[in-house]
Every structure is written in C-alpha cells, then in structure tokens.
Full PDB file with SEQRES, HELIX, SHEET, SSBOND, CRYST1, ORIGX, SCALE, CONECT and MASTER records, all heavy atoms in Angstrom:
SEQRES   1 A   36  ALA ALA GLU HIS LEU THR VAL ALA ASP TRP VAL LEU MET          
SEQRES   2 A   36  ASP ILE GLU MET PRO ARG VAL ASP GLY LEU GLU ALA THR          
SEQRES   3 A   36  ARG GLN LEU LYS THR HIS TRP PRO ASP ALA                      
HELIX    1 AA1 GLY A   22  HIS A   32  1                                  11    
CRYST1    1.000    1.000    1.000  90.00  90.00  90.00 P 1           1          
ORIGX1      1.000000  0.000000  0.000000        0.00000                         
ORIGX2      0.000000  1.000000  0.000000        0.00000                         
ORIGX3      0.000000  0.000000  1.000000        0.00000                         
SCALE1      1.000000  0.000000  0.000000        0.00000                         
SCALE2      0.000000  1.000000  0.000000        0.00000                         
SCALE3      0.000000  0.000000  1.000000        0.00000                         
ATOM      1  N   ALA A   1       8.331  -1.056   1.479  1.00  0.00           N  
ATOM      2  CA  ALA A   1       9.417  -1.115   2.449  1.00  0.00           C  
ATOM      3  C   ALA A   1      10.815  -1.397   1.902  1.00  0.00           C  
ATOM      4  O   ALA A   1      11.764  -0.739   2.186  1.00  0.00           O  
ATOM      5  CB  ALA A   1       9.073  -2.151   3.605  1.00  0.00           C  
ATOM      6  N   ALA A   2      10.826  -2.354   1.005  1.00  0.00           N  
ATOM      7  CA  ALA A   2      12.107  -2.724   0.400  1.00  0.00           C  
ATOM      8  C   ALA A   2      12.627  -1.696  -0.596  1.00  0.00           C  
ATOM      9  O   ALA A   2      13.855  -1.467  -0.691  1.00  0.00           O  
ATOM     10  CB  ALA A   2      11.811  -4.078  -0.428  1.00  0.00           C  
ATOM     11  N   GLU A   3      11.709  -1.026  -1.263  1.00  0.00           N  
ATOM     12  CA  GLU A   3      12.150  -0.009  -2.279  1.00  0.00           C  
ATOM     13  C   GLU A   3      12.039   1.412  -1.659  1.00  0.00           C  
ATOM     14  O   GLU A   3      12.410   2.426  -2.361  1.00  0.00           O  
ATOM     15  CB  GLU A   3      11.293  -0.134  -3.498  1.00  0.00           C  
ATOM     16  CG  GLU A   3      11.448  -1.498  -4.200  1.00  0.00           C  
ATOM     17  CD  GLU A   3      12.830  -1.768  -4.718  1.00  0.00           C  
ATOM     18  OE1 GLU A   3      13.532  -0.800  -5.088  1.00  0.00           O  
ATOM     19  OE2 GLU A   3      13.172  -2.972  -4.811  1.00  0.00           O  
ATOM     20  N   HIS A   4      11.534   1.546  -0.535  1.00  0.00           N  
ATOM     21  CA  HIS A   4      11.231   2.880   0.142  1.00  0.00           C  
ATOM     22  C   HIS A   4      10.559   3.839  -0.896  1.00  0.00           C  
ATOM     23  O   HIS A   4      10.938   4.924  -1.126  1.00  0.00           O  
ATOM     24  CB  HIS A   4      12.582   3.539   0.612  1.00  0.00           C  
ATOM     25  CG  HIS A   4      12.389   4.611   1.508  1.00  0.00           C  
ATOM     26  ND1 HIS A   4      11.743   4.394   2.773  1.00  0.00           N  
ATOM     27  CD2 HIS A   4      12.561   5.897   1.545  1.00  0.00           C  
ATOM     28  CE1 HIS A   4      11.561   5.574   3.400  1.00  0.00           C  
ATOM     29  NE2 HIS A   4      12.198   6.520   2.668  1.00  0.00           N  
ATOM     30  N   LEU A   5       9.548   3.227  -1.367  1.00  0.00           N  
ATOM     31  CA  LEU A   5       8.569   3.874  -2.384  1.00  0.00           C  
ATOM     32  C   LEU A   5       9.283   4.483  -3.570  1.00  0.00           C  
ATOM     33  O   LEU A   5       8.923   5.601  -4.128  1.00  0.00           O  
ATOM     34  CB  LEU A   5       7.741   4.935  -1.761  1.00  0.00           C  
ATOM     35  CG  LEU A   5       6.550   5.358  -2.615  1.00  0.00           C  
ATOM     36  CD1 LEU A   5       5.865   4.158  -3.200  1.00  0.00           C  
ATOM     37  CD2 LEU A   5       5.612   6.207  -1.873  1.00  0.00           C  
ATOM     38  N   THR A   6      10.347   3.880  -4.095  1.00  0.00           N  
ATOM     39  CA  THR A   6      10.719   4.221  -5.419  1.00  0.00           C  
ATOM     40  C   THR A   6      10.010   3.301  -6.374  1.00  0.00           C  
ATOM     41  O   THR A   6      10.132   3.468  -7.558  1.00  0.00           O  
ATOM     42  CB  THR A   6      12.242   3.990  -5.629  1.00  0.00           C  
ATOM     43  OG1 THR A   6      12.592   2.694  -5.282  1.00  0.00           O  
ATOM     44  CG2 THR A   6      13.043   4.903  -4.682  1.00  0.00           C  
ATOM     45  N   VAL A   7       9.211   2.425  -5.815  1.00  0.00           N  
ATOM     46  CA  VAL A   7       8.466   1.421  -6.571  1.00  0.00           C  
ATOM     47  C   VAL A   7       7.284   2.070  -7.387  1.00  0.00           C  
ATOM     48  O   VAL A   7       7.138   1.861  -8.565  1.00  0.00           O  
ATOM     49  CB  VAL A   7       7.782   0.353  -5.734  1.00  0.00           C  
ATOM     50  CG1 VAL A   7       6.922  -0.511  -6.494  1.00  0.00           C  
ATOM     51  CG2 VAL A   7       8.893  -0.468  -5.037  1.00  0.00           C  
ATOM     52  N   ALA A   8       6.510   2.936  -6.820  1.00  0.00           N  
ATOM     53  CA  ALA A   8       5.325   3.365  -7.507  1.00  0.00           C  
ATOM     54  C   ALA A   8       4.903   4.745  -7.162  1.00  0.00           C  
ATOM     55  O   ALA A   8       5.043   5.278  -6.049  1.00  0.00           O  
ATOM     56  CB  ALA A   8       4.133   2.477  -7.182  1.00  0.00           C  
ATOM     57  N   ASP A   9       4.395   5.458  -8.261  1.00  0.00           N  
ATOM     58  CA  ASP A   9       3.631   6.770  -8.062  1.00  0.00           C  
ATOM     59  C   ASP A   9       2.264   6.681  -7.645  1.00  0.00           C  
ATOM     60  O   ASP A   9       1.672   7.417  -7.051  1.00  0.00           O  
ATOM     61  CB  ASP A   9       3.815   7.619  -9.258  1.00  0.00           C  
ATOM     62  CG  ASP A   9       5.263   7.798  -9.707  1.00  0.00           C  
ATOM     63  OD1 ASP A   9       6.030   8.484  -8.806  1.00  0.00           O  
ATOM     64  OD2 ASP A   9       5.684   7.529 -10.766  1.00  0.00           O  
ATOM     65  N   TRP A  10       1.757   5.442  -8.193  1.00  0.00           N  
ATOM     66  CA  TRP A  10       0.307   5.102  -7.977  1.00  0.00           C  
ATOM     67  C   TRP A  10       0.268   3.608  -7.603  1.00  0.00           C  
ATOM     68  O   TRP A  10       0.859   2.808  -8.204  1.00  0.00           O  
ATOM     69  CB  TRP A  10      -0.530   5.301  -9.272  1.00  0.00           C  
ATOM     70  CG  TRP A  10      -1.128   6.642  -9.258  1.00  0.00           C  
ATOM     71  CD1 TRP A  10      -0.639   7.717 -10.054  1.00  0.00           C  
ATOM     72  CD2 TRP A  10      -2.261   7.223  -8.705  1.00  0.00           C  
ATOM     73  NE1 TRP A  10      -1.389   8.775  -9.900  1.00  0.00           N  
ATOM     74  CE2 TRP A  10      -2.495   8.486  -9.103  1.00  0.00           C  
ATOM     75  CE3 TRP A  10      -3.232   6.572  -7.793  1.00  0.00           C  
ATOM     76  CZ2 TRP A  10      -3.516   9.267  -8.639  1.00  0.00           C  
ATOM     77  CZ3 TRP A  10      -4.255   7.370  -7.387  1.00  0.00           C  
ATOM     78  CH2 TRP A  10      -4.453   8.720  -7.778  1.00  0.00           C  
ATOM     79  N   VAL A  11      -0.669   3.344  -6.739  1.00  0.00           N  
ATOM     80  CA  VAL A  11      -1.020   1.888  -6.336  1.00  0.00           C  
ATOM     81  C   VAL A  11      -2.414   1.633  -6.766  1.00  0.00           C  
ATOM     82  O   VAL A  11      -3.337   2.381  -6.292  1.00  0.00           O  
ATOM     83  CB  VAL A  11      -0.779   1.604  -4.942  1.00  0.00           C  
ATOM     84  CG1 VAL A  11      -1.113   0.060  -4.577  1.00  0.00           C  
ATOM     85  CG2 VAL A  11       0.591   1.980  -4.413  1.00  0.00           C  
ATOM     86  N   LEU A  12      -2.713   0.663  -7.519  1.00  0.00           N  
ATOM     87  CA  LEU A  12      -4.056   0.242  -7.917  1.00  0.00           C  
ATOM     88  C   LEU A  12      -4.330  -0.973  -7.129  1.00  0.00           C  
ATOM     89  O   LEU A  12      -3.762  -2.049  -7.445  1.00  0.00           O  
ATOM     90  CB  LEU A  12      -4.170  -0.020  -9.505  1.00  0.00           C  
ATOM     91  CG  LEU A  12      -3.757   1.110 -10.363  1.00  0.00           C  
ATOM     92  CD1 LEU A  12      -3.770   0.723 -11.780  1.00  0.00           C  
ATOM     93  CD2 LEU A  12      -4.570   2.340 -10.055  1.00  0.00           C  
ATOM     94  N   MET A  13      -5.199  -0.859  -6.073  1.00  0.00           N  
ATOM     95  CA  MET A  13      -5.381  -1.900  -5.112  1.00  0.00           C  
ATOM     96  C   MET A  13      -6.710  -2.496  -5.091  1.00  0.00           C  
ATOM     97  O   MET A  13      -7.793  -1.735  -4.879  1.00  0.00           O  
ATOM     98  CB  MET A  13      -5.113  -1.180  -3.775  1.00  0.00           C  
ATOM     99  CG  MET A  13      -5.185  -2.084  -2.474  1.00  0.00           C  
ATOM    100  SD  MET A  13      -3.629  -2.822  -2.102  1.00  0.00           S  
ATOM    101  CE  MET A  13      -2.647  -1.521  -1.528  1.00  0.00           C  
ATOM    102  N   ASP A  14      -6.886  -3.775  -5.110  1.00  0.00           N  
ATOM    103  CA  ASP A  14      -8.084  -4.502  -4.940  1.00  0.00           C  
ATOM    104  C   ASP A  14      -8.410  -4.479  -3.484  1.00  0.00           C  
ATOM    105  O   ASP A  14      -7.525  -4.218  -2.597  1.00  0.00           O  
ATOM    106  CB  ASP A  14      -7.884  -5.976  -5.409  1.00  0.00           C  
ATOM    107  CG  ASP A  14      -9.164  -6.791  -5.450  1.00  0.00           C  
ATOM    108  OD1 ASP A  14     -10.255  -6.185  -5.442  1.00  0.00           O  
ATOM    109  OD2 ASP A  14      -9.088  -8.045  -5.421  1.00  0.00           O  
ATOM    110  N   ILE A  15      -9.637  -4.836  -3.002  1.00  0.00           N  
ATOM    111  CA  ILE A  15      -9.956  -4.920  -1.630  1.00  0.00           C  
ATOM    112  C   ILE A  15      -9.897  -6.291  -1.135  1.00  0.00           C  
ATOM    113  O   ILE A  15      -9.116  -6.549  -0.126  1.00  0.00           O  
ATOM    114  CB  ILE A  15     -11.397  -4.325  -1.429  1.00  0.00           C  
ATOM    115  CG1 ILE A  15     -11.384  -2.818  -1.621  1.00  0.00           C  
ATOM    116  CG2 ILE A  15     -11.842  -4.674  -0.037  1.00  0.00           C  
ATOM    117  CD1 ILE A  15     -12.829  -2.225  -1.419  1.00  0.00           C  
ATOM    118  N   GLU A  16     -10.559  -7.253  -1.643  1.00  0.00           N  
ATOM    119  CA  GLU A  16     -10.594  -8.623  -1.142  1.00  0.00           C  
ATOM    120  C   GLU A  16      -9.415  -9.382  -1.760  1.00  0.00           C  
ATOM    121  O   GLU A  16      -9.321  -9.739  -2.880  1.00  0.00           O  
ATOM    122  CB  GLU A  16     -11.841  -9.295  -1.517  1.00  0.00           C  
ATOM    123  CG  GLU A  16     -12.976  -8.900  -0.647  1.00  0.00           C  
ATOM    124  CD  GLU A  16     -14.215  -9.829  -0.775  1.00  0.00           C  
ATOM    125  OE1 GLU A  16     -14.398 -10.427  -1.781  1.00  0.00           O  
ATOM    126  OE2 GLU A  16     -14.841  -9.965   0.315  1.00  0.00           O  
ATOM    127  N   MET A  17      -8.428  -9.733  -0.777  1.00  0.00           N  
ATOM    128  CA  MET A  17      -7.261 -10.398  -1.151  1.00  0.00           C  
ATOM    129  C   MET A  17      -6.831 -11.275   0.058  1.00  0.00           C  
ATOM    130  O   MET A  17      -7.148 -10.893   1.159  1.00  0.00           O  
ATOM    131  CB  MET A  17      -6.088  -9.549  -1.545  1.00  0.00           C  
ATOM    132  CG  MET A  17      -6.373  -8.747  -2.803  1.00  0.00           C  
ATOM    133  SD  MET A  17      -4.971  -7.739  -3.234  1.00  0.00           S  
ATOM    134  CE  MET A  17      -5.020  -6.424  -1.956  1.00  0.00           C  
ATOM    135  N   PRO A  18      -6.153 -12.396  -0.093  1.00  0.00           N  
ATOM    136  CA  PRO A  18      -5.621 -13.133   1.008  1.00  0.00           C  
ATOM    137  C   PRO A  18      -4.564 -12.423   1.848  1.00  0.00           C  
ATOM    138  O   PRO A  18      -4.031 -11.421   1.331  1.00  0.00           O  
ATOM    139  CB  PRO A  18      -5.073 -14.454   0.346  1.00  0.00           C  
ATOM    140  CG  PRO A  18      -4.712 -14.003  -1.125  1.00  0.00           C  
ATOM    141  CD  PRO A  18      -5.693 -12.906  -1.409  1.00  0.00           C  
ATOM    142  N   ARG A  19      -4.309 -12.939   2.944  1.00  0.00           N  
ATOM    143  CA  ARG A  19      -3.345 -12.407   3.926  1.00  0.00           C  
ATOM    144  C   ARG A  19      -3.667 -10.979   4.361  1.00  0.00           C  
ATOM    145  O   ARG A  19      -4.123 -10.784   5.470  1.00  0.00           O  
ATOM    146  CB  ARG A  19      -1.863 -12.414   3.317  1.00  0.00           C  
ATOM    147  CG  ARG A  19      -1.439 -13.888   3.135  1.00  0.00           C  
ATOM    148  CD  ARG A  19       0.022 -14.082   2.968  1.00  0.00           C  
ATOM    149  NE  ARG A  19       0.628 -13.050   2.126  1.00  0.00           N  
ATOM    150  CZ  ARG A  19       1.933 -12.663   2.255  1.00  0.00           C  
ATOM    151  NH1 ARG A  19       2.686 -13.264   3.127  1.00  0.00           N  
ATOM    152  NH2 ARG A  19       2.562 -11.825   1.468  1.00  0.00           N  
ATOM    153  N   VAL A  20      -3.374 -10.013   3.596  1.00  0.00           N  
ATOM    154  CA  VAL A  20      -3.716  -8.549   3.908  1.00  0.00           C  
ATOM    155  C   VAL A  20      -4.602  -8.036   2.890  1.00  0.00           C  
ATOM    156  O   VAL A  20      -4.143  -7.914   1.706  1.00  0.00           O  
ATOM    157  CB  VAL A  20      -2.433  -7.745   4.159  1.00  0.00           C  
ATOM    158  CG1 VAL A  20      -2.706  -6.295   4.390  1.00  0.00           C  
ATOM    159  CG2 VAL A  20      -1.451  -8.326   5.207  1.00  0.00           C  
ATOM    160  N   ASP A  21      -5.832  -7.524   3.264  1.00  0.00           N  
ATOM    161  CA  ASP A  21      -6.777  -7.066   2.266  1.00  0.00           C  
ATOM    162  C   ASP A  21      -6.275  -5.619   1.830  1.00  0.00           C  
ATOM    163  O   ASP A  21      -5.361  -4.960   2.451  1.00  0.00           O  
ATOM    164  CB  ASP A  21      -8.153  -7.118   2.697  1.00  0.00           C  
ATOM    165  CG  ASP A  21      -8.521  -6.126   3.911  1.00  0.00           C  
ATOM    166  OD1 ASP A  21      -8.000  -4.999   3.857  1.00  0.00           O  
ATOM    167  OD2 ASP A  21      -9.209  -6.608   4.913  1.00  0.00           O  
ATOM    168  N   GLY A  22      -6.929  -5.108   0.841  1.00  0.00           N  
ATOM    169  CA  GLY A  22      -6.497  -3.846   0.313  1.00  0.00           C  
ATOM    170  C   GLY A  22      -6.780  -2.682   1.171  1.00  0.00           C  
ATOM    171  O   GLY A  22      -6.074  -1.689   1.127  1.00  0.00           O  
ATOM    172  N   LEU A  23      -7.822  -2.697   2.074  1.00  0.00           N  
ATOM    173  CA  LEU A  23      -8.093  -1.594   2.975  1.00  0.00           C  
ATOM    174  C   LEU A  23      -7.014  -1.515   4.049  1.00  0.00           C  
ATOM    175  O   LEU A  23      -6.521  -0.441   4.335  1.00  0.00           O  
ATOM    176  CB  LEU A  23      -9.404  -1.727   3.695  1.00  0.00           C  
ATOM    177  CG  LEU A  23     -10.604  -1.621   2.644  1.00  0.00           C  
ATOM    178  CD1 LEU A  23     -11.945  -1.857   3.356  1.00  0.00           C  
ATOM    179  CD2 LEU A  23     -10.634  -0.311   1.959  1.00  0.00           C  
ATOM    180  N   GLU A  24      -6.675  -2.708   4.591  1.00  0.00           N  
ATOM    181  CA  GLU A  24      -5.569  -2.695   5.578  1.00  0.00           C  
ATOM    182  C   GLU A  24      -4.185  -2.346   4.958  1.00  0.00           C  
ATOM    183  O   GLU A  24      -3.370  -1.626   5.549  1.00  0.00           O  
ATOM    184  CB  GLU A  24      -5.448  -4.038   6.242  1.00  0.00           C  
ATOM    185  CG  GLU A  24      -4.336  -4.191   7.256  1.00  0.00           C  
ATOM    186  CD  GLU A  24      -4.440  -3.142   8.442  1.00  0.00           C  
ATOM    187  OE1 GLU A  24      -5.453  -2.836   8.767  1.00  0.00           O  
ATOM    188  OE2 GLU A  24      -3.303  -2.790   8.914  1.00  0.00           O  
ATOM    189  N   ALA A  25      -3.959  -2.815   3.726  1.00  0.00           N  
ATOM    190  CA  ALA A  25      -2.755  -2.416   3.150  1.00  0.00           C  
ATOM    191  C   ALA A  25      -2.693  -0.969   2.798  1.00  0.00           C  
ATOM    192  O   ALA A  25      -1.582  -0.399   3.043  1.00  0.00           O  
ATOM    193  CB  ALA A  25      -2.608  -3.287   1.797  1.00  0.00           C  
ATOM    194  N   THR A  26      -3.769  -0.339   2.438  1.00  0.00           N  
ATOM    195  CA  THR A  26      -3.888   1.091   2.160  1.00  0.00           C  
ATOM    196  C   THR A  26      -3.479   1.827   3.485  1.00  0.00           C  
ATOM    197  O   THR A  26      -2.836   2.773   3.504  1.00  0.00           O  
ATOM    198  CB  THR A  26      -5.183   1.453   1.662  1.00  0.00           C  
ATOM    199  OG1 THR A  26      -5.424   0.784   0.395  1.00  0.00           O  
ATOM    200  CG2 THR A  26      -5.279   2.961   1.422  1.00  0.00           C  
ATOM    201  N   ARG A  27      -4.141   1.415   4.587  1.00  0.00           N  
ATOM    202  CA  ARG A  27      -3.894   2.036   5.877  1.00  0.00           C  
ATOM    203  C   ARG A  27      -2.351   1.895   6.204  1.00  0.00           C  
ATOM    204  O   ARG A  27      -1.778   2.978   6.639  1.00  0.00           O  
ATOM    205  CB  ARG A  27      -4.717   1.382   7.004  1.00  0.00           C  
ATOM    206  CG  ARG A  27      -6.047   1.912   7.126  1.00  0.00           C  
ATOM    207  CD  ARG A  27      -6.784   1.343   8.406  1.00  0.00           C  
ATOM    208  NE  ARG A  27      -7.117  -0.110   8.321  1.00  0.00           N  
ATOM    209  CZ  ARG A  27      -8.298  -0.591   7.680  1.00  0.00           C  
ATOM    210  NH1 ARG A  27      -9.028   0.277   7.171  1.00  0.00           N  
ATOM    211  NH2 ARG A  27      -8.448  -1.837   7.684  1.00  0.00           N  
ATOM    212  N   GLN A  28      -1.851   0.781   5.987  1.00  0.00           N  
ATOM    213  CA  GLN A  28      -0.349   0.641   6.456  1.00  0.00           C  
ATOM    214  C   GLN A  28       0.556   1.525   5.513  1.00  0.00           C  
ATOM    215  O   GLN A  28       1.422   2.186   5.842  1.00  0.00           O  
ATOM    216  CB  GLN A  28       0.040  -0.801   6.186  1.00  0.00           C  
ATOM    217  CG  GLN A  28      -0.452  -1.723   7.281  1.00  0.00           C  
ATOM    218  CD  GLN A  28      -0.091  -3.187   7.095  1.00  0.00           C  
ATOM    219  OE1 GLN A  28       0.927  -3.413   6.630  1.00  0.00           O  
ATOM    220  NE2 GLN A  28      -1.004  -4.033   7.557  1.00  0.00           N  
ATOM    221  N   LEU A  29       0.173   1.571   4.084  1.00  0.00           N  
ATOM    222  CA  LEU A  29       0.910   2.384   3.231  1.00  0.00           C  
ATOM    223  C   LEU A  29       0.864   3.850   3.567  1.00  0.00           C  
ATOM    224  O   LEU A  29       1.874   4.633   3.657  1.00  0.00           O  
ATOM    225  CB  LEU A  29       0.465   2.186   1.770  1.00  0.00           C  
ATOM    226  CG  LEU A  29       0.837   0.794   1.137  1.00  0.00           C  
ATOM    227  CD1 LEU A  29       0.237   0.806  -0.239  1.00  0.00           C  
ATOM    228  CD2 LEU A  29       2.295   0.608   1.165  1.00  0.00           C  
ATOM    229  N   LYS A  30      -0.440   4.317   3.894  1.00  0.00           N  
ATOM    230  CA  LYS A  30      -0.576   5.791   4.221  1.00  0.00           C  
ATOM    231  C   LYS A  30       0.035   6.094   5.599  1.00  0.00           C  
ATOM    232  O   LYS A  30       0.494   7.226   5.749  1.00  0.00           O  
ATOM    233  CB  LYS A  30      -2.092   6.145   4.158  1.00  0.00           C  
ATOM    234  CG  LYS A  30      -2.706   5.949   2.779  1.00  0.00           C  
ATOM    235  CD  LYS A  30      -2.051   6.921   1.863  1.00  0.00           C  
ATOM    236  CE  LYS A  30      -2.500   8.310   2.051  1.00  0.00           C  
ATOM    237  NZ  LYS A  30      -1.991   9.272   1.103  1.00  0.00           N  
ATOM    238  N   THR A  31       0.090   5.143   6.492  1.00  0.00           N  
ATOM    239  CA  THR A  31       0.673   5.422   7.741  1.00  0.00           C  
ATOM    240  C   THR A  31       2.197   5.632   7.665  1.00  0.00           C  
ATOM    241  O   THR A  31       2.787   6.473   8.227  1.00  0.00           O  
ATOM    242  CB  THR A  31       0.464   4.246   8.789  1.00  0.00           C  
ATOM    243  OG1 THR A  31      -1.005   4.125   8.964  1.00  0.00           O  
ATOM    244  CG2 THR A  31       1.170   4.333  10.074  1.00  0.00           C  
ATOM    245  N   HIS A  32       2.764   4.732   6.878  1.00  0.00           N  
ATOM    246  CA  HIS A  32       4.249   4.785   6.763  1.00  0.00           C  
ATOM    247  C   HIS A  32       4.869   5.746   5.579  1.00  0.00           C  
ATOM    248  O   HIS A  32       5.897   6.233   5.669  1.00  0.00           O  
ATOM    249  CB  HIS A  32       4.879   3.400   6.581  1.00  0.00           C  
ATOM    250  CG  HIS A  32       4.572   2.470   7.675  1.00  0.00           C  
ATOM    251  ND1 HIS A  32       5.203   2.651   8.926  1.00  0.00           N  
ATOM    252  CD2 HIS A  32       3.790   1.388   7.809  1.00  0.00           C  
ATOM    253  CE1 HIS A  32       4.838   1.742   9.763  1.00  0.00           C  
ATOM    254  NE2 HIS A  32       3.904   0.920   9.140  1.00  0.00           N  
ATOM    255  N   TRP A  33       3.926   5.830   4.573  1.00  0.00           N  
ATOM    256  CA  TRP A  33       4.328   6.735   3.458  1.00  0.00           C  
ATOM    257  C   TRP A  33       3.131   7.489   3.071  1.00  0.00           C  
ATOM    258  O   TRP A  33       2.335   7.247   2.202  1.00  0.00           O  
ATOM    259  CB  TRP A  33       4.663   5.765   2.155  1.00  0.00           C  
ATOM    260  CG  TRP A  33       5.851   4.932   2.499  1.00  0.00           C  
ATOM    261  CD1 TRP A  33       7.239   5.259   2.456  1.00  0.00           C  
ATOM    262  CD2 TRP A  33       5.852   3.609   2.954  1.00  0.00           C  
ATOM    263  NE1 TRP A  33       7.933   4.284   2.763  1.00  0.00           N  
ATOM    264  CE2 TRP A  33       7.205   3.213   3.095  1.00  0.00           C  
ATOM    265  CE3 TRP A  33       4.815   2.698   3.176  1.00  0.00           C  
ATOM    266  CZ2 TRP A  33       7.588   1.894   3.469  1.00  0.00           C  
ATOM    267  CZ3 TRP A  33       5.212   1.403   3.527  1.00  0.00           C  
ATOM    268  CH2 TRP A  33       6.511   1.026   3.771  1.00  0.00           C  
ATOM    269  N   PRO A  34       2.910   8.671   3.800  1.00  0.00           N  
ATOM    270  CA  PRO A  34       1.640   9.454   3.685  1.00  0.00           C  
ATOM    271  C   PRO A  34       1.470  10.013   2.340  1.00  0.00           C  
ATOM    272  O   PRO A  34       0.333  10.326   1.906  1.00  0.00           O  
ATOM    273  CB  PRO A  34       1.915  10.682   4.611  1.00  0.00           C  
ATOM    274  CG  PRO A  34       3.005  10.132   5.546  1.00  0.00           C  
ATOM    275  CD  PRO A  34       3.780   9.091   4.760  1.00  0.00           C  
ATOM    276  N   ASP A  35       2.497  10.092   1.413  1.00  0.00           N  
ATOM    277  CA  ASP A  35       2.374  10.620   0.074  1.00  0.00           C  
ATOM    278  C   ASP A  35       1.940   9.493  -0.904  1.00  0.00           C  
ATOM    279  O   ASP A  35       1.699   9.859  -2.126  1.00  0.00           O  
ATOM    280  CB  ASP A  35       3.647  11.276  -0.361  1.00  0.00           C  
ATOM    281  CG  ASP A  35       3.979  12.498   0.316  1.00  0.00           C  
ATOM    282  OD1 ASP A  35       3.083  13.119   0.828  1.00  0.00           O  
ATOM    283  OD2 ASP A  35       5.137  12.845   0.416  1.00  0.00           O  
ATOM    284  N   ALA A  36       1.820   8.230  -0.402  1.00  0.00           N  
ATOM    285  CA  ALA A  36       1.339   7.176  -1.353  1.00  0.00           C  
ATOM    286  C   ALA A  36       0.006   7.460  -1.989  1.00  0.00           C  
ATOM    287  O   ALA A  36      -0.895   7.943  -1.132  1.00  0.00           O  
ATOM    288  CB  ALA A  36       1.376   5.813  -0.602  1.00  0.00           C  
TER     289      ALA A  36                                                      
MASTER        0    0    0    1    0    0    0    6  288    1    0    3          
END                                                                             
C-alpha cells in the first residue's frame, strides 16, 4: 500500500505468522493488486 507495488516483483510468503497469516495476506494482495 505504501509503495503501490513498486516494492516487489515477487513475494515469498510464509503461512503461519502473527497478526495476519500468509494466506490472508495473499488474498489481500491479490484483491488489491491482482498482478502480485
């Protein structure tokens, strides 16, 4: 959100993490930035 995806071409995402897990974060990224 802060960088409007100038941050990364690829995201390497763990699943089990505190606050927001990797599956939920992936859903959010793909919802807002479908090309992620």
